[in-house]
mmCIF file of all heavy atoms, coordinates in Angstrom:
data_MODEL
# 
_entry.id   MODEL 
# 
loop_
_atom_site.group_PDB 
_atom_site.id 
_atom_site.type_symbol 
_atom_site.label_atom_id 
_atom_site.label_alt_id 
_atom_site.label_comp_id 
_atom_site.label_asym_id 
_atom_site.label_entity_id 
_atom_site.label_seq_id 
_atom_site.pdbx_PDB_ins_code 
_atom_site.Cartn_x 
_atom_site.Cartn_y 
_atom_site.Cartn_z 
_atom_site.occupancy 
_atom_site.B_iso_or_equiv 
_atom_site.pdbx_formal_charge 
_atom_site.auth_seq_id 
_atom_site.auth_comp_id 
_atom_site.auth_asym_id 
_atom_site.auth_atom_id 
_atom_site.pdbx_PDB_model_num 
ATOM 1   N N   . GLY A 1 1  ? -5.960 -10.329 -0.537  1.00 0.00 ? 1  GLY A N   1 
ATOM 2   C CA  . GLY A 1 1  ? -6.989 -11.424 -0.843  1.00 0.00 ? 1  GLY A CA  1 
ATOM 3   C C   . GLY A 1 1  ? -6.296 -12.678 -1.291  1.00 0.00 ? 1  GLY A C   1 
ATOM 4   O O   . GLY A 1 1  ? -5.115 -12.830 -1.200  1.00 0.00 ? 1  GLY A O   1 
ATOM 5   N N   . LEU A 1 2  ? -7.058 -13.598 -1.643  1.00 0.00 ? 2  LEU A N   1 
ATOM 6   C CA  . LEU A 1 2  ? -6.647 -14.912 -2.122  1.00 0.00 ? 2  LEU A CA  1 
ATOM 7   C C   . LEU A 1 2  ? -6.675 -14.953 -3.587  1.00 0.00 ? 2  LEU A C   1 
ATOM 8   O O   . LEU A 1 2  ? -7.785 -14.860 -4.231  1.00 0.00 ? 2  LEU A O   1 
ATOM 9   C CB  . LEU A 1 2  ? -7.531 -16.113 -1.538  1.00 0.00 ? 2  LEU A CB  1 
ATOM 10  C CG  . LEU A 1 2  ? -7.239 -17.402 -2.031  1.00 0.00 ? 2  LEU A CG  1 
ATOM 11  C CD1 . LEU A 1 2  ? -5.771 -17.901 -1.670  1.00 0.00 ? 2  LEU A CD1 1 
ATOM 12  C CD2 . LEU A 1 2  ? -8.269 -18.367 -1.381  1.00 0.00 ? 2  LEU A CD2 1 
ATOM 13  N N   . VAL A 1 3  ? -5.630 -15.222 -4.327  1.00 0.00 ? 3  VAL A N   1 
ATOM 14  C CA  . VAL A 1 3  ? -5.507 -15.271 -5.753  1.00 0.00 ? 3  VAL A CA  1 
ATOM 15  C C   . VAL A 1 3  ? -4.707 -16.449 -6.083  1.00 0.00 ? 3  VAL A C   1 
ATOM 16  O O   . VAL A 1 3  ? -4.185 -17.179 -5.288  1.00 0.00 ? 3  VAL A O   1 
ATOM 17  C CB  . VAL A 1 3  ? -4.932 -13.982 -6.333  1.00 0.00 ? 3  VAL A CB  1 
ATOM 18  C CG1 . VAL A 1 3  ? -5.797 -12.809 -5.967  1.00 0.00 ? 3  VAL A CG1 1 
ATOM 19  C CG2 . VAL A 1 3  ? -3.481 -13.802 -5.847  1.00 0.00 ? 3  VAL A CG2 1 
ATOM 20  N N   . GLN A 1 4  ? -4.702 -16.743 -7.360  1.00 0.00 ? 4  GLN A N   1 
ATOM 21  C CA  . GLN A 1 4  ? -3.996 -17.825 -8.001  1.00 0.00 ? 4  GLN A CA  1 
ATOM 22  C C   . GLN A 1 4  ? -2.718 -17.324 -8.645  1.00 0.00 ? 4  GLN A C   1 
ATOM 23  O O   . GLN A 1 4  ? -2.527 -16.172 -8.947  1.00 0.00 ? 4  GLN A O   1 
ATOM 24  C CB  . GLN A 1 4  ? -4.802 -18.563 -9.035  1.00 0.00 ? 4  GLN A CB  1 
ATOM 25  C CG  . GLN A 1 4  ? -6.013 -19.247 -8.534  1.00 0.00 ? 4  GLN A CG  1 
ATOM 26  C CD  . GLN A 1 4  ? -6.820 -20.104 -9.516  1.00 0.00 ? 4  GLN A CD  1 
ATOM 27  O OE1 . GLN A 1 4  ? -6.819 -19.727 -10.704 1.00 0.00 ? 4  GLN A OE1 1 
ATOM 28  N NE2 . GLN A 1 4  ? -7.449 -21.168 -9.122  1.00 0.00 ? 4  GLN A NE2 1 
ATOM 29  N N   . THR A 1 5  ? -1.776 -18.141 -8.752  1.00 0.00 ? 5  THR A N   1 
ATOM 30  C CA  . THR A 1 5  ? -0.484 -17.861 -9.508  1.00 0.00 ? 5  THR A CA  1 
ATOM 31  C C   . THR A 1 5  ? -0.819 -17.113 -10.952 1.00 0.00 ? 5  THR A C   1 
ATOM 32  O O   . THR A 1 5  ? -1.590 -17.598 -11.561 1.00 0.00 ? 5  THR A O   1 
ATOM 33  C CB  . THR A 1 5  ? 0.251  -19.199 -9.743  1.00 0.00 ? 5  THR A CB  1 
ATOM 34  O OG1 . THR A 1 5  ? 0.680  -19.700 -8.576  1.00 0.00 ? 5  THR A OG1 1 
ATOM 35  C CG2 . THR A 1 5  ? 1.599  -18.800 -10.552 1.00 0.00 ? 5  THR A CG2 1 
ATOM 36  N N   . GLY A 1 6  ? -0.050 -15.987 -11.051 1.00 0.00 ? 6  GLY A N   1 
ATOM 37  C CA  . GLY A 1 6  ? -0.232 -15.282 -12.260 1.00 0.00 ? 6  GLY A CA  1 
ATOM 38  C C   . GLY A 1 6  ? -1.207 -14.109 -12.181 1.00 0.00 ? 6  GLY A C   1 
ATOM 39  O O   . GLY A 1 6  ? -1.285 -13.380 -13.070 1.00 0.00 ? 6  GLY A O   1 
ATOM 40  N N   . ASP A 1 7  ? -2.082 -14.210 -11.172 1.00 0.00 ? 7  ASP A N   1 
ATOM 41  C CA  . ASP A 1 7  ? -3.157 -13.035 -10.999 1.00 0.00 ? 7  ASP A CA  1 
ATOM 42  C C   . ASP A 1 7  ? -2.455 -11.744 -10.498 1.00 0.00 ? 7  ASP A C   1 
ATOM 43  O O   . ASP A 1 7  ? -1.275 -11.649 -10.256 1.00 0.00 ? 7  ASP A O   1 
ATOM 44  C CB  . ASP A 1 7  ? -4.067 -13.544 -9.946  1.00 0.00 ? 7  ASP A CB  1 
ATOM 45  C CG  . ASP A 1 7  ? -5.133 -14.609 -10.507 1.00 0.00 ? 7  ASP A CG  1 
ATOM 46  O OD1 . ASP A 1 7  ? -5.057 -14.854 -11.768 1.00 0.00 ? 7  ASP A OD1 1 
ATOM 47  O OD2 . ASP A 1 7  ? -5.897 -15.090 -9.732  1.00 0.00 ? 7  ASP A OD2 1 
ATOM 48  N N   . SER A 1 8  ? -3.328 -10.834 -10.465 1.00 0.00 ? 8  SER A N   1 
ATOM 49  C CA  . SER A 1 8  ? -2.875 -9.370  -10.094 1.00 0.00 ? 8  SER A CA  1 
ATOM 50  C C   . SER A 1 8  ? -3.653 -8.907  -8.831  1.00 0.00 ? 8  SER A C   1 
ATOM 51  O O   . SER A 1 8  ? -4.812 -9.266  -8.701  1.00 0.00 ? 8  SER A O   1 
ATOM 52  C CB  . SER A 1 8  ? -2.917 -8.443  -11.181 1.00 0.00 ? 8  SER A CB  1 
ATOM 53  O OG  . SER A 1 8  ? -2.082 -8.705  -12.314 1.00 0.00 ? 8  SER A OG  1 
ATOM 54  N N   . LEU A 1 9  ? -3.064 -8.113  -8.097  1.00 0.00 ? 9  LEU A N   1 
ATOM 55  C CA  . LEU A 1 9  ? -3.667 -7.506  -6.978  1.00 0.00 ? 9  LEU A CA  1 
ATOM 56  C C   . LEU A 1 9  ? -3.242 -6.047  -6.795  1.00 0.00 ? 9  LEU A C   1 
ATOM 57  O O   . LEU A 1 9  ? -2.076 -5.833  -7.355  1.00 0.00 ? 9  LEU A O   1 
ATOM 58  C CB  . LEU A 1 9  ? -3.516 -8.081  -5.699  1.00 0.00 ? 9  LEU A CB  1 
ATOM 59  C CG  . LEU A 1 9  ? -4.409 -9.352  -5.327  1.00 0.00 ? 9  LEU A CG  1 
ATOM 60  C CD1 . LEU A 1 9  ? -3.872 -9.931  -3.984  1.00 0.00 ? 9  LEU A CD1 1 
ATOM 61  C CD2 . LEU A 1 9  ? -5.869 -8.976  -5.181  1.00 0.00 ? 9  LEU A CD2 1 
ATOM 62  N N   . ARG A 1 10 ? -3.985 -5.062  -6.374  1.00 0.00 ? 10 ARG A N   1 
ATOM 63  C CA  . ARG A 1 10 ? -3.453 -3.751  -6.048  1.00 0.00 ? 10 ARG A CA  1 
ATOM 64  C C   . ARG A 1 10 ? -3.872 -3.387  -4.641  1.00 0.00 ? 10 ARG A C   1 
ATOM 65  O O   . ARG A 1 10 ? -5.018 -3.416  -4.270  1.00 0.00 ? 10 ARG A O   1 
ATOM 66  C CB  . ARG A 1 10 ? -4.226 -2.688  -6.925  1.00 0.00 ? 10 ARG A CB  1 
ATOM 67  C CG  . ARG A 1 10 ? -3.592 -1.354  -6.885  1.00 0.00 ? 10 ARG A CG  1 
ATOM 68  C CD  . ARG A 1 10 ? -4.255 -0.248  -7.692  1.00 0.00 ? 10 ARG A CD  1 
ATOM 69  N NE  . ARG A 1 10 ? -5.593 0.140   -7.189  1.00 0.00 ? 10 ARG A NE  1 
ATOM 70  C CZ  . ARG A 1 10 ? -6.293 1.115   -7.642  1.00 0.00 ? 10 ARG A CZ  1 
ATOM 71  N NH1 . ARG A 1 10 ? -5.802 1.913   -8.381  1.00 0.00 ? 10 ARG A NH1 1 
ATOM 72  N NH2 . ARG A 1 10 ? -7.508 1.279   -7.208  1.00 0.00 ? 10 ARG A NH2 1 
ATOM 73  N N   . LEU A 1 11 ? -2.777 -3.267  -3.892  1.00 0.00 ? 11 LEU A N   1 
ATOM 74  C CA  . LEU A 1 11 ? -2.941 -2.845  -2.428  1.00 0.00 ? 11 LEU A CA  1 
ATOM 75  C C   . LEU A 1 11 ? -2.966 -1.301  -2.364  1.00 0.00 ? 11 LEU A C   1 
ATOM 76  O O   . LEU A 1 11 ? -2.381 -0.550  -3.181  1.00 0.00 ? 11 LEU A O   1 
ATOM 77  C CB  . LEU A 1 11 ? -1.815 -3.394  -1.678  1.00 0.00 ? 11 LEU A CB  1 
ATOM 78  C CG  . LEU A 1 11 ? -1.414 -4.899  -1.857  1.00 0.00 ? 11 LEU A CG  1 
ATOM 79  C CD1 . LEU A 1 11 ? -0.352 -5.176  -0.918  1.00 0.00 ? 11 LEU A CD1 1 
ATOM 80  C CD2 . LEU A 1 11 ? -2.731 -5.700  -1.482  1.00 0.00 ? 11 LEU A CD2 1 
ATOM 81  N N   . SER A 1 12 ? -3.619 -0.908  -1.410  1.00 0.00 ? 12 SER A N   1 
ATOM 82  C CA  . SER A 1 12 ? -3.837 0.567   -1.031  1.00 0.00 ? 12 SER A CA  1 
ATOM 83  C C   . SER A 1 12 ? -3.397 0.862   0.343   1.00 0.00 ? 12 SER A C   1 
ATOM 84  O O   . SER A 1 12 ? -3.566 -0.015  1.202   1.00 0.00 ? 12 SER A O   1 
ATOM 85  C CB  . SER A 1 12 ? -5.236 1.069   -1.355  1.00 0.00 ? 12 SER A CB  1 
ATOM 86  O OG  . SER A 1 12 ? -5.530 0.894   -2.644  1.00 0.00 ? 12 SER A OG  1 
ATOM 87  N N   . CYS A 1 13 ? -2.933 1.923   0.507   1.00 0.00 ? 13 CYS A N   1 
ATOM 88  C CA  . CYS A 1 13 ? -2.500 2.521   1.872   1.00 0.00 ? 13 CYS A CA  1 
ATOM 89  C C   . CYS A 1 13 ? -2.957 3.932   2.114   1.00 0.00 ? 13 CYS A C   1 
ATOM 90  O O   . CYS A 1 13 ? -2.450 4.805   1.390   1.00 0.00 ? 13 CYS A O   1 
ATOM 91  C CB  . CYS A 1 13 ? -0.970 2.278   2.164   1.00 0.00 ? 13 CYS A CB  1 
ATOM 92  S SG  . CYS A 1 13 ? -0.434 2.847   3.735   1.00 0.00 ? 13 CYS A SG  1 
ATOM 93  N N   . VAL A 1 14 ? -3.961 4.197   2.920   1.00 0.00 ? 14 VAL A N   1 
ATOM 94  C CA  . VAL A 1 14 ? -4.425 5.429   3.205   1.00 0.00 ? 14 VAL A CA  1 
ATOM 95  C C   . VAL A 1 14 ? -3.702 6.007   4.430   1.00 0.00 ? 14 VAL A C   1 
ATOM 96  O O   . VAL A 1 14 ? -3.674 5.476   5.465   1.00 0.00 ? 14 VAL A O   1 
ATOM 97  C CB  . VAL A 1 14 ? -5.855 5.553   3.269   1.00 0.00 ? 14 VAL A CB  1 
ATOM 98  C CG1 . VAL A 1 14 ? -6.482 6.961   3.609   1.00 0.00 ? 14 VAL A CG1 1 
ATOM 99  C CG2 . VAL A 1 14 ? -6.585 4.943   2.106   1.00 0.00 ? 14 VAL A CG2 1 
ATOM 100 N N   . VAL A 1 15 ? -3.138 7.192   4.185   1.00 0.00 ? 15 VAL A N   1 
ATOM 101 C CA  . VAL A 1 15 ? -2.527 7.949   5.367   1.00 0.00 ? 15 VAL A CA  1 
ATOM 102 C C   . VAL A 1 15 ? -3.356 9.065   5.881   1.00 0.00 ? 15 VAL A C   1 
ATOM 103 O O   . VAL A 1 15 ? -3.816 9.831   5.094   1.00 0.00 ? 15 VAL A O   1 
ATOM 104 C CB  . VAL A 1 15 ? -1.091 8.489   4.876   1.00 0.00 ? 15 VAL A CB  1 
ATOM 105 C CG1 . VAL A 1 15 ? -0.316 9.139   6.030   1.00 0.00 ? 15 VAL A CG1 1 
ATOM 106 C CG2 . VAL A 1 15 ? -0.229 7.413   4.259   1.00 0.00 ? 15 VAL A CG2 1 
ATOM 107 N N   . SER A 1 16 ? -3.438 9.129   7.273   1.00 0.00 ? 16 SER A N   1 
ATOM 108 C CA  . SER A 1 16 ? -4.355 10.093  7.780   1.00 0.00 ? 16 SER A CA  1 
ATOM 109 C C   . SER A 1 16 ? -3.334 10.760  9.072   1.00 0.00 ? 16 SER A C   1 
ATOM 110 O O   . SER A 1 16 ? -2.535 10.133  9.508   1.00 0.00 ? 16 SER A O   1 
ATOM 111 C CB  . SER A 1 16 ? -5.572 9.705   8.387   1.00 0.00 ? 16 SER A CB  1 
ATOM 112 O OG  . SER A 1 16 ? -5.463 8.651   9.362   1.00 0.00 ? 16 SER A OG  1 
ATOM 113 N N   . GLY A 1 17 ? -3.762 11.970  9.384   1.00 0.00 ? 17 GLY A N   1 
ATOM 114 C CA  . GLY A 1 17 ? -3.093 12.543  10.452  1.00 0.00 ? 17 GLY A CA  1 
ATOM 115 C C   . GLY A 1 17 ? -2.188 13.702  9.940   1.00 0.00 ? 17 GLY A C   1 
ATOM 116 O O   . GLY A 1 17 ? -2.789 14.568  9.302   1.00 0.00 ? 17 GLY A O   1 
ATOM 117 N N   . ARG A 1 18 ? -0.998 13.587  10.140  1.00 0.00 ? 18 ARG A N   1 
ATOM 118 C CA  . ARG A 1 18 ? -0.112 14.677  9.568   1.00 0.00 ? 18 ARG A CA  1 
ATOM 119 C C   . ARG A 1 18 ? 0.329  14.408  8.223   1.00 0.00 ? 18 ARG A C   1 
ATOM 120 O O   . ARG A 1 18 ? 1.473  14.244  7.813   1.00 0.00 ? 18 ARG A O   1 
ATOM 121 C CB  . ARG A 1 18 ? 1.260  14.523  10.526  1.00 0.00 ? 18 ARG A CB  1 
ATOM 122 C CG  . ARG A 1 18 ? 0.883  14.902  11.975  1.00 0.00 ? 18 ARG A CG  1 
ATOM 123 C CD  . ARG A 1 18 ? 2.224  14.605  12.751  1.00 0.00 ? 18 ARG A CD  1 
ATOM 124 N NE  . ARG A 1 18 ? 1.886  14.791  14.243  1.00 0.00 ? 18 ARG A NE  1 
ATOM 125 C CZ  . ARG A 1 18 ? 2.763  14.408  15.216  1.00 0.00 ? 18 ARG A CZ  1 
ATOM 126 N NH1 . ARG A 1 18 ? 3.946  13.970  14.895  1.00 0.00 ? 18 ARG A NH1 1 
ATOM 127 N NH2 . ARG A 1 18 ? 2.403  14.630  16.580  1.00 0.00 ? 18 ARG A NH2 1 
ATOM 128 N N   . THR A 1 19 ? -0.681 14.586  7.285   1.00 0.00 ? 19 THR A N   1 
ATOM 129 C CA  . THR A 1 19 ? -0.569 14.234  5.930   1.00 0.00 ? 19 THR A CA  1 
ATOM 130 C C   . THR A 1 19 ? 0.250  15.289  5.250   1.00 0.00 ? 19 THR A C   1 
ATOM 131 O O   . THR A 1 19 ? 0.515  15.137  4.011   1.00 0.00 ? 19 THR A O   1 
ATOM 132 C CB  . THR A 1 19 ? -1.805 14.101  5.278   1.00 0.00 ? 19 THR A CB  1 
ATOM 133 O OG1 . THR A 1 19 ? -2.798 15.259  5.524   1.00 0.00 ? 19 THR A OG1 1 
ATOM 134 C CG2 . THR A 1 19 ? -2.579 12.746  5.828   1.00 0.00 ? 19 THR A CG2 1 
ATOM 135 N N   . PHE A 1 20 ? 0.620  16.487  5.856   1.00 0.00 ? 20 PHE A N   1 
ATOM 136 C CA  . PHE A 1 20 ? 1.292  17.445  5.258   1.00 0.00 ? 20 PHE A CA  1 
ATOM 137 C C   . PHE A 1 20 ? 2.713  17.088  5.193   1.00 0.00 ? 20 PHE A C   1 
ATOM 138 O O   . PHE A 1 20 ? 3.576  17.665  4.441   1.00 0.00 ? 20 PHE A O   1 
ATOM 139 C CB  . PHE A 1 20 ? 1.108  18.868  6.093   1.00 0.00 ? 20 PHE A CB  1 
ATOM 140 C CG  . PHE A 1 20 ? 1.626  18.758  7.521   1.00 0.00 ? 20 PHE A CG  1 
ATOM 141 C CD1 . PHE A 1 20 ? 2.819  18.891  7.866   1.00 0.00 ? 20 PHE A CD1 1 
ATOM 142 C CD2 . PHE A 1 20 ? 0.657  18.534  8.454   1.00 0.00 ? 20 PHE A CD2 1 
ATOM 143 C CE1 . PHE A 1 20 ? 3.357  18.820  9.284   1.00 0.00 ? 20 PHE A CE1 1 
ATOM 144 C CE2 . PHE A 1 20 ? 1.103  18.284  9.728   1.00 0.00 ? 20 PHE A CE2 1 
ATOM 145 C CZ  . PHE A 1 20 ? 2.354  18.464  10.221  1.00 0.00 ? 20 PHE A CZ  1 
ATOM 146 N N   . SER A 1 21 ? 3.242  16.108  5.952   1.00 0.00 ? 21 SER A N   1 
ATOM 147 C CA  . SER A 1 21 ? 4.586  15.690  5.935   1.00 0.00 ? 21 SER A CA  1 
ATOM 148 C C   . SER A 1 21 ? 4.964  15.058  4.599   1.00 0.00 ? 21 SER A C   1 
ATOM 149 O O   . SER A 1 21 ? 4.123  14.290  3.971   1.00 0.00 ? 21 SER A O   1 
ATOM 150 C CB  . SER A 1 21 ? 4.782  14.704  7.039   1.00 0.00 ? 21 SER A CB  1 
ATOM 151 O OG  . SER A 1 21 ? 4.606  15.357  8.322   1.00 0.00 ? 21 SER A OG  1 
ATOM 152 N N   . ARG A 1 22 ? 6.169  15.369  4.148   1.00 0.00 ? 22 ARG A N   1 
ATOM 153 C CA  . ARG A 1 22 ? 6.574  14.782  2.985   1.00 0.00 ? 22 ARG A CA  1 
ATOM 154 C C   . ARG A 1 22 ? 7.274  13.392  3.107   1.00 0.00 ? 22 ARG A C   1 
ATOM 155 O O   . ARG A 1 22 ? 8.543  13.355  3.067   1.00 0.00 ? 22 ARG A O   1 
ATOM 156 C CB  . ARG A 1 22 ? 7.556  15.771  2.267   1.00 0.00 ? 22 ARG A CB  1 
ATOM 157 C CG  . ARG A 1 22 ? 6.976  17.074  1.735   1.00 0.00 ? 22 ARG A CG  1 
ATOM 158 C CD  . ARG A 1 22 ? 7.853  17.887  0.827   1.00 0.00 ? 22 ARG A CD  1 
ATOM 159 N NE  . ARG A 1 22 ? 7.300  18.993  0.303   1.00 0.00 ? 22 ARG A NE  1 
ATOM 160 C CZ  . ARG A 1 22 ? 7.831  19.706  -0.511  1.00 0.00 ? 22 ARG A CZ  1 
ATOM 161 N NH1 . ARG A 1 22 ? 9.086  19.583  -0.931  1.00 0.00 ? 22 ARG A NH1 1 
ATOM 162 N NH2 . ARG A 1 22 ? 7.083  20.851  -1.056  1.00 0.00 ? 22 ARG A NH2 1 
ATOM 163 N N   . PHE A 1 23 ? 6.361  12.440  3.495   1.00 0.00 ? 23 PHE A N   1 
ATOM 164 C CA  . PHE A 1 23 ? 6.843  11.076  3.758   1.00 0.00 ? 23 PHE A CA  1 
ATOM 165 C C   . PHE A 1 23 ? 7.379  10.385  2.620   1.00 0.00 ? 23 PHE A C   1 
ATOM 166 O O   . PHE A 1 23 ? 6.751  10.438  1.502   1.00 0.00 ? 23 PHE A O   1 
ATOM 167 C CB  . PHE A 1 23 ? 5.756  10.202  4.380   1.00 0.00 ? 23 PHE A CB  1 
ATOM 168 C CG  . PHE A 1 23 ? 5.290  10.730  5.747   1.00 0.00 ? 23 PHE A CG  1 
ATOM 169 C CD1 . PHE A 1 23 ? 3.935  11.067  5.880   1.00 0.00 ? 23 PHE A CD1 1 
ATOM 170 C CD2 . PHE A 1 23 ? 6.163  10.812  6.771   1.00 0.00 ? 23 PHE A CD2 1 
ATOM 171 C CE1 . PHE A 1 23 ? 3.556  11.467  7.240   1.00 0.00 ? 23 PHE A CE1 1 
ATOM 172 C CE2 . PHE A 1 23 ? 5.806  11.206  8.048   1.00 0.00 ? 23 PHE A CE2 1 
ATOM 173 C CZ  . PHE A 1 23 ? 4.480  11.418  8.314   1.00 0.00 ? 23 PHE A CZ  1 
ATOM 174 N N   . THR A 1 24 ? 8.486  9.685   2.722   1.00 0.00 ? 24 THR A N   1 
ATOM 175 C CA  . THR A 1 24 ? 8.845  8.562   1.880   1.00 0.00 ? 24 THR A CA  1 
ATOM 176 C C   . THR A 1 24 ? 8.026  7.337   2.308   1.00 0.00 ? 24 THR A C   1 
ATOM 177 O O   . THR A 1 24 ? 7.984  7.144   3.502   1.00 0.00 ? 24 THR A O   1 
ATOM 178 C CB  . THR A 1 24 ? 10.265 8.302   1.953   1.00 0.00 ? 24 THR A CB  1 
ATOM 179 O OG1 . THR A 1 24 ? 10.959 9.280   1.170   1.00 0.00 ? 24 THR A OG1 1 
ATOM 180 C CG2 . THR A 1 24 ? 10.565 6.927   1.127   1.00 0.00 ? 24 THR A CG2 1 
ATOM 181 N N   . MET A 1 25 ? 7.421  6.779   1.437   1.00 0.00 ? 25 MET A N   1 
ATOM 182 C CA  . MET A 1 25 ? 6.542  5.573   1.788   1.00 0.00 ? 25 MET A CA  1 
ATOM 183 C C   . MET A 1 25 ? 7.182  4.192   1.250   1.00 0.00 ? 25 MET A C   1 
ATOM 184 O O   . MET A 1 25 ? 7.694  4.193   0.160   1.00 0.00 ? 25 MET A O   1 
ATOM 185 C CB  . MET A 1 25 ? 5.052  5.658   1.102   1.00 0.00 ? 25 MET A CB  1 
ATOM 186 C CG  . MET A 1 25 ? 4.382  6.967   1.639   1.00 0.00 ? 25 MET A CG  1 
ATOM 187 S SD  . MET A 1 25 ? 4.033  6.934   3.357   1.00 0.00 ? 25 MET A SD  1 
ATOM 188 C CE  . MET A 1 25 ? 2.938  5.522   3.522   1.00 0.00 ? 25 MET A CE  1 
ATOM 189 N N   . GLY A 1 26 ? 6.910  3.224   2.020   1.00 0.00 ? 26 GLY A N   1 
ATOM 190 C CA  . GLY A 1 26 ? 7.559  1.968   1.736   1.00 0.00 ? 26 GLY A CA  1 
ATOM 191 C C   . GLY A 1 26 ? 6.509  0.853   1.864   1.00 0.00 ? 26 GLY A C   1 
ATOM 192 O O   . GLY A 1 26 ? 5.499  1.016   2.619   1.00 0.00 ? 26 GLY A O   1 
ATOM 193 N N   . TRP A 1 27 ? 6.706  -0.294  1.214   1.00 0.00 ? 27 TRP A N   1 
ATOM 194 C CA  . TRP A 1 27 ? 5.867  -1.493  1.418   1.00 0.00 ? 27 TRP A CA  1 
ATOM 195 C C   . TRP A 1 27 ? 6.911  -2.573  1.921   1.00 0.00 ? 27 TRP A C   1 
ATOM 196 O O   . TRP A 1 27 ? 7.888  -2.721  1.324   1.00 0.00 ? 27 TRP A O   1 
ATOM 197 C CB  . TRP A 1 27 ? 5.203  -1.995  0.073   1.00 0.00 ? 27 TRP A CB  1 
ATOM 198 C CG  . TRP A 1 27 ? 4.084  -1.155  -0.222  1.00 0.00 ? 27 TRP A CG  1 
ATOM 199 C CD1 . TRP A 1 27 ? 3.915  -0.119  -1.166  1.00 0.00 ? 27 TRP A CD1 1 
ATOM 200 C CD2 . TRP A 1 27 ? 2.699  -1.332  0.289   1.00 0.00 ? 27 TRP A CD2 1 
ATOM 201 N NE1 . TRP A 1 27 ? 2.614  0.254   -1.270  1.00 0.00 ? 27 TRP A NE1 1 
ATOM 202 C CE2 . TRP A 1 27 ? 1.872  -0.431  -0.436  1.00 0.00 ? 27 TRP A CE2 1 
ATOM 203 C CE3 . TRP A 1 27 ? 2.046  -2.289  1.167   1.00 0.00 ? 27 TRP A CE3 1 
ATOM 204 C CZ2 . TRP A 1 27 ? 0.524  -0.340  -0.165  1.00 0.00 ? 27 TRP A CZ2 1 
ATOM 205 C CZ3 . TRP A 1 27 ? 0.678  -2.194  1.506   1.00 0.00 ? 27 TRP A CZ3 1 
ATOM 206 C CH2 . TRP A 1 27 ? 0.013  -1.169  0.819   1.00 0.00 ? 27 TRP A CH2 1 
ATOM 207 N N   . PHE A 1 28 ? 6.507  -3.409  2.845   1.00 0.00 ? 28 PHE A N   1 
ATOM 208 C CA  . PHE A 1 28 ? 7.202  -4.433  3.422   1.00 0.00 ? 28 PHE A CA  1 
ATOM 209 C C   . PHE A 1 28 ? 6.290  -5.657  3.410   1.00 0.00 ? 28 PHE A C   1 
ATOM 210 O O   . PHE A 1 28 ? 5.057  -5.451  3.525   1.00 0.00 ? 28 PHE A O   1 
ATOM 211 C CB  . PHE A 1 28 ? 7.744  -4.074  4.743   1.00 0.00 ? 28 PHE A CB  1 
ATOM 212 C CG  . PHE A 1 28 ? 8.813  -3.052  4.795   1.00 0.00 ? 28 PHE A CG  1 
ATOM 213 C CD1 . PHE A 1 28 ? 8.384  -1.721  4.791   1.00 0.00 ? 28 PHE A CD1 1 
ATOM 214 C CD2 . PHE A 1 28 ? 10.149 -3.376  4.949   1.00 0.00 ? 28 PHE A CD2 1 
ATOM 215 C CE1 . PHE A 1 28 ? 9.345  -0.762  4.753   1.00 0.00 ? 28 PHE A CE1 1 
ATOM 216 C CE2 . PHE A 1 28 ? 11.153 -2.418  5.081   1.00 0.00 ? 28 PHE A CE2 1 
ATOM 217 C CZ  . PHE A 1 28 ? 10.733 -0.941  4.914   1.00 0.00 ? 28 PHE A CZ  1 
ATOM 218 N N   . ARG A 1 29 ? 6.828  -6.838  3.568   1.00 0.00 ? 29 ARG A N   1 
ATOM 219 C CA  . ARG A 1 29 ? 6.057  -8.101  3.710   1.00 0.00 ? 29 ARG A CA  1 
ATOM 220 C C   . ARG A 1 29 ? 6.636  -8.906  4.626   1.00 0.00 ? 29 ARG A C   1 
ATOM 221 O O   . ARG A 1 29 ? 7.951  -9.051  4.885   1.00 0.00 ? 29 ARG A O   1 
ATOM 222 C CB  . ARG A 1 29 ? 5.868  -8.677  2.399   1.00 0.00 ? 29 ARG A CB  1 
ATOM 223 C CG  . ARG A 1 29 ? 6.975  -9.285  1.684   1.00 0.00 ? 29 ARG A CG  1 
ATOM 224 C CD  . ARG A 1 29 ? 6.691  -9.701  0.196   1.00 0.00 ? 29 ARG A CD  1 
ATOM 225 N NE  . ARG A 1 29 ? 7.864  -10.382 -0.384  1.00 0.00 ? 29 ARG A NE  1 
ATOM 226 C CZ  . ARG A 1 29 ? 7.889  -10.820 -1.661  1.00 0.00 ? 29 ARG A CZ  1 
ATOM 227 N NH1 . ARG A 1 29 ? 6.746  -10.531 -2.374  1.00 0.00 ? 29 ARG A NH1 1 
ATOM 228 N NH2 . ARG A 1 29 ? 8.929  -11.313 -2.302  1.00 0.00 ? 29 ARG A NH2 1 
# 
């Protein structure tokens, strides 16, 4: 979303499909 300097956000990532896999997860920008 759109926020101002100093604000906070929480991003979420939902994984579906082969969720039994022991994935290492990463965030990139």
